[in-house]
């Protein structure tokens, strides 16, 4: 699971609008990223969008743990520059 950030970053870039909508919109984004339940929602949405080969290699609980452990990096991908 060393470099799941690459596919995760691609998914976030392609589907940022729907992920942000899941978290309550742009206005609620920063607060949502401090909420563990919201981060798990991001992980769930992103896992569903992973290529099938990655899903075979990395199961959802492992992916969720990765996203939670890297919540700052995930937040940086989602927050506007």
C-alpha atoms as a PDB file:
ATOM      1  CA  UNK A   1       0.000   0.000   0.000  1.00  0.00           C
ATOM      2  CA  UNK A   2       3.035   2.190  -0.264  1.00  0.00           C
ATOM      3  CA  UNK A   3       1.814   4.373  -3.085  1.00  0.00           C
ATOM      4  CA  UNK A   4      -1.944   4.368  -3.246  1.00  0.00           C
ATOM      5  CA  UNK A   5      -1.742   8.159  -3.361  1.00  0.00           C
ATOM      6  CA  UNK A   6      -1.177   8.123  -7.121  1.00  0.00           C
ATOM      7  CA  UNK A   7      -4.474   6.414  -8.041  1.00  0.00           C
ATOM      8  CA  UNK A   8      -6.230   8.237  -5.209  1.00  0.00           C
ATOM      9  CA  UNK A   9      -5.009  11.606  -6.504  1.00  0.00           C
ATOM     10  CA  UNK A  10      -6.211  10.731 -10.008  1.00  0.00           C
ATOM     11  CA  UNK A  11      -9.648   9.737  -8.691  1.00  0.00           C
ATOM     12  CA  UNK A  12      -9.940  12.914  -6.615  1.00  0.00           C
ATOM     13  CA  UNK A  13      -8.897  15.050  -9.583  1.00  0.00           C
ATOM     14  CA  UNK A  14     -11.457  13.410 -11.873  1.00  0.00           C
ATOM     15  CA  UNK A  15     -14.335  13.246  -9.390  1.00  0.00           C
ATOM     16  CA  UNK A  16     -13.659  16.149  -7.028  1.00  0.00           C
ATOM     17  CA  UNK A  17     -17.062  17.758  -7.580  1.00  0.00           C
ATOM     18  CA  UNK A  18     -19.012  14.648  -6.593  1.00  0.00           C
ATOM     19  CA  UNK A  19     -16.741  13.968  -3.608  1.00  0.00           C
ATOM     20  CA  UNK A  20     -17.128  17.552  -2.365  1.00  0.00           C
ATOM     21  CA  UNK A  21     -20.909  17.280  -2.820  1.00  0.00           C
ATOM     22  CA  UNK A  22     -20.866  14.112  -0.691  1.00  0.00           C
ATOM     23  CA  UNK A  23     -19.175  16.115   2.074  1.00  0.00           C
ATOM     24  CA  UNK A  24     -21.755  18.899   1.980  1.00  0.00           C
ATOM     25  CA  UNK A  25     -20.310  21.292  -0.588  1.00  0.00           C
ATOM     26  CA  UNK A  26     -17.409  23.712  -0.744  1.00  0.00           C
ATOM     27  CA  UNK A  27     -18.529  25.680   2.325  1.00  0.00           C
ATOM     28  CA  UNK A  28     -18.484  22.602   4.570  1.00  0.00           C
ATOM     29  CA  UNK A  29     -15.373  21.020   3.056  1.00  0.00           C
ATOM     30  CA  UNK A  30     -12.708  22.143   5.546  1.00  0.00           C
ATOM     31  CA  UNK A  31     -14.828  21.203   8.565  1.00  0.00           C
ATOM     32  CA  UNK A  32     -15.796  17.884   7.012  1.00  0.00           C
ATOM     33  CA  UNK A  33     -12.166  16.916   6.541  1.00  0.00           C
ATOM     34  CA  UNK A  34     -11.686  17.110  10.316  1.00  0.00           C
ATOM     35  CA  UNK A  35     -14.479  14.585  10.789  1.00  0.00           C
ATOM     36  CA  UNK A  36     -13.455  10.916  10.738  1.00  0.00           C
ATOM     37  CA  UNK A  37     -16.850   9.830   9.416  1.00  0.00           C
ATOM     38  CA  UNK A  38     -16.523  12.248   6.493  1.00  0.00           C
ATOM     39  CA  UNK A  39     -13.049  10.925   5.673  1.00  0.00           C
ATOM     40  CA  UNK A  40     -14.466   7.401   5.685  1.00  0.00           C
ATOM     41  CA  UNK A  41     -17.127   8.584   3.218  1.00  0.00           C
ATOM     42  CA  UNK A  42     -14.387   9.910   0.953  1.00  0.00           C
ATOM     43  CA  UNK A  43     -12.592   6.562   1.231  1.00  0.00           C
ATOM     44  CA  UNK A  44     -15.781   4.680   0.363  1.00  0.00           C
ATOM     45  CA  UNK A  45     -16.482   6.824  -2.702  1.00  0.00           C
ATOM     46  CA  UNK A  46     -12.878   6.633  -3.897  1.00  0.00           C
ATOM     47  CA  UNK A  47     -12.643   2.880  -3.346  1.00  0.00           C
ATOM     48  CA  UNK A  48     -15.681   2.356  -5.556  1.00  0.00           C
ATOM     49  CA  UNK A  49     -13.886   4.307  -8.302  1.00  0.00           C
ATOM     50  CA  UNK A  50     -10.592   2.385  -8.105  1.00  0.00           C
ATOM     51  CA  UNK A  51      -9.694   0.198 -11.067  1.00  0.00           C
ATOM     52  CA  UNK A  52     -10.721  -3.441 -10.596  1.00  0.00           C
ATOM     53  CA  UNK A  53      -7.135  -4.669 -10.477  1.00  0.00           C
ATOM     54  CA  UNK A  54      -6.400  -2.421  -7.491  1.00  0.00           C
ATOM     55  CA  UNK A  55      -9.575  -3.577  -5.743  1.00  0.00           C
ATOM     56  CA  UNK A  56      -8.340  -7.151  -6.087  1.00  0.00           C
ATOM     57  CA  UNK A  57      -5.008  -6.215  -4.503  1.00  0.00           C
ATOM     58  CA  UNK A  58      -6.292  -3.841  -1.800  1.00  0.00           C
ATOM     59  CA  UNK A  59      -9.462  -4.618   0.093  1.00  0.00           C
ATOM     60  CA  UNK A  60     -11.752  -1.818   1.251  1.00  0.00           C
ATOM     61  CA  UNK A  61     -10.836  -1.948   4.983  1.00  0.00           C
ATOM     62  CA  UNK A  62      -7.149  -1.562   4.070  1.00  0.00           C
ATOM     63  CA  UNK A  63      -7.952   1.295   1.713  1.00  0.00           C
ATOM     64  CA  UNK A  64     -10.057   3.036   4.379  1.00  0.00           C
ATOM     65  CA  UNK A  65      -7.194   2.696   6.863  1.00  0.00           C
ATOM     66  CA  UNK A  66      -4.805   4.164   4.279  1.00  0.00           C
ATOM     67  CA  UNK A  67      -7.068   7.144   3.629  1.00  0.00           C
ATOM     68  CA  UNK A  68      -7.542   7.771   7.362  1.00  0.00           C
ATOM     69  CA  UNK A  69      -3.794   7.551   7.964  1.00  0.00           C
ATOM     70  CA  UNK A  70      -3.194  10.020   5.117  1.00  0.00           C
ATOM     71  CA  UNK A  71      -6.111  12.343   5.794  1.00  0.00           C
ATOM     72  CA  UNK A  72      -3.897  15.462   5.536  1.00  0.00           C
ATOM     73  CA  UNK A  73      -2.703  14.473   2.064  1.00  0.00           C
ATOM     74  CA  UNK A  74      -6.268  13.623   1.001  1.00  0.00           C
ATOM     75  CA  UNK A  75      -7.451  16.958   2.378  1.00  0.00           C
ATOM     76  CA  UNK A  76      -4.759  18.753   0.396  1.00  0.00           C
ATOM     77  CA  UNK A  77      -6.071  17.093  -2.761  1.00  0.00           C
ATOM     78  CA  UNK A  78      -9.636  18.210  -2.051  1.00  0.00           C
ATOM     79  CA  UNK A  79      -9.123  21.727  -0.750  1.00  0.00           C
ATOM     80  CA  UNK A  80      -8.885  24.460  -3.380  1.00  0.00           C
ATOM     81  CA  UNK A  81      -5.399  25.827  -3.921  1.00  0.00           C
END
